[in-house]
Amino acid sequence: MNARSTTFEFTCLGKHVNEIVCSLFHPIIFNRTHGKIGYGNGNHYLIGNLGFEEIYCDFIDFTYIRVSSPTLASDIDRDVKTFVEHLRTEAYLKSTSTSPSNVATSSHQLSKSPQFFPSPFDDQRGLSRSPIDNYRLLSTQTAATGTIMLEFFQKSNRSWGVFVEPLIWEVWSLKFNCIRDDLANDWEHLQRTPFDEQLFDKMLSIVHTVQNSSYLPSMPGQAEVDSVFDTRYEDCSPYNYRISFKIGSGPRQEASNRSGTVQASAPHAIKNFLRNKLAL
């Protein structure tokens, strides 16, 4: 099964990251969740009702929906928060490690005129840059970059039991370029496309993608239900998913330890298997 992959990129302030991720990941997971699945005789199954709720963002003029499952919503929010905390910590460390001589002029100094910015936003001849040039230059003043990934997978049934390697069938990646906090006023002044418009465009793309069911795993029998669905939730049945992230060029990290995810590498698992066999 080939994984379908979609990537969105945002340039924003640190305070916007959490709501951007939640406003996209929650609707995606809503569309990848059934009401609670129950089995009767044999492999006959029933699917319960799935509720939803509207969430209003605090920093962005945007509303999104999520599954009305407190446990599922809490799990997603916790994973997103883990990514945001790592990203903002990286931004803080970069900001504090930069020497004063290399730090750009503070935000209140840069916002003296909407058409003219002192260094680094004026050119070397002392001429004012255009708003578009200022926007492009400001976009390069990032404190940190990071990517958060939402993956849907099917657990692999290995009879010989060395390791469990999920078969990933869909991946959603959000890449963030965080603008330095001291440039917040200038960024909000020069931002070309409001976040609500960006998110609306992304939602149209998401709706178009999730309506194509060709990538969905087939409905499993009762014995294999946990290979396709996360059975931990009492009020809904989301497809197995995991959230991971990368900060800058660092290693990939799991946002939380979810059932069915790979915690050890395949080579390491094989070595342990062979070692145990030789010890017998």
Foldseek 3Di string as FASTA:
>chain_A
DDAAEDEAEDEEALVCQLVLCCQPVQVLQVLQWWWDWDADPWQDIDTDHWDKDWDQDDPARDIHIHTPAVVVVVVVSLLSVLVSVVFVVQLVVQVVPDDPVPDFDFQVQQVPDLFAGPPPQADPVRDTDGLVSSQVVQSPQFSWKKKKKKWFWFWDDDPVPLFIDTHTHYMYMYIYGHGRPRNNVSNVSSPDDGPNVVSVVVVVVSVVVSVDCPSQDDCDGPVRNVRFWPNPGPTITGGDMFMWMDIDPDDIGGSDDDPRDDPDDSVVSVVVVVVVVVVD
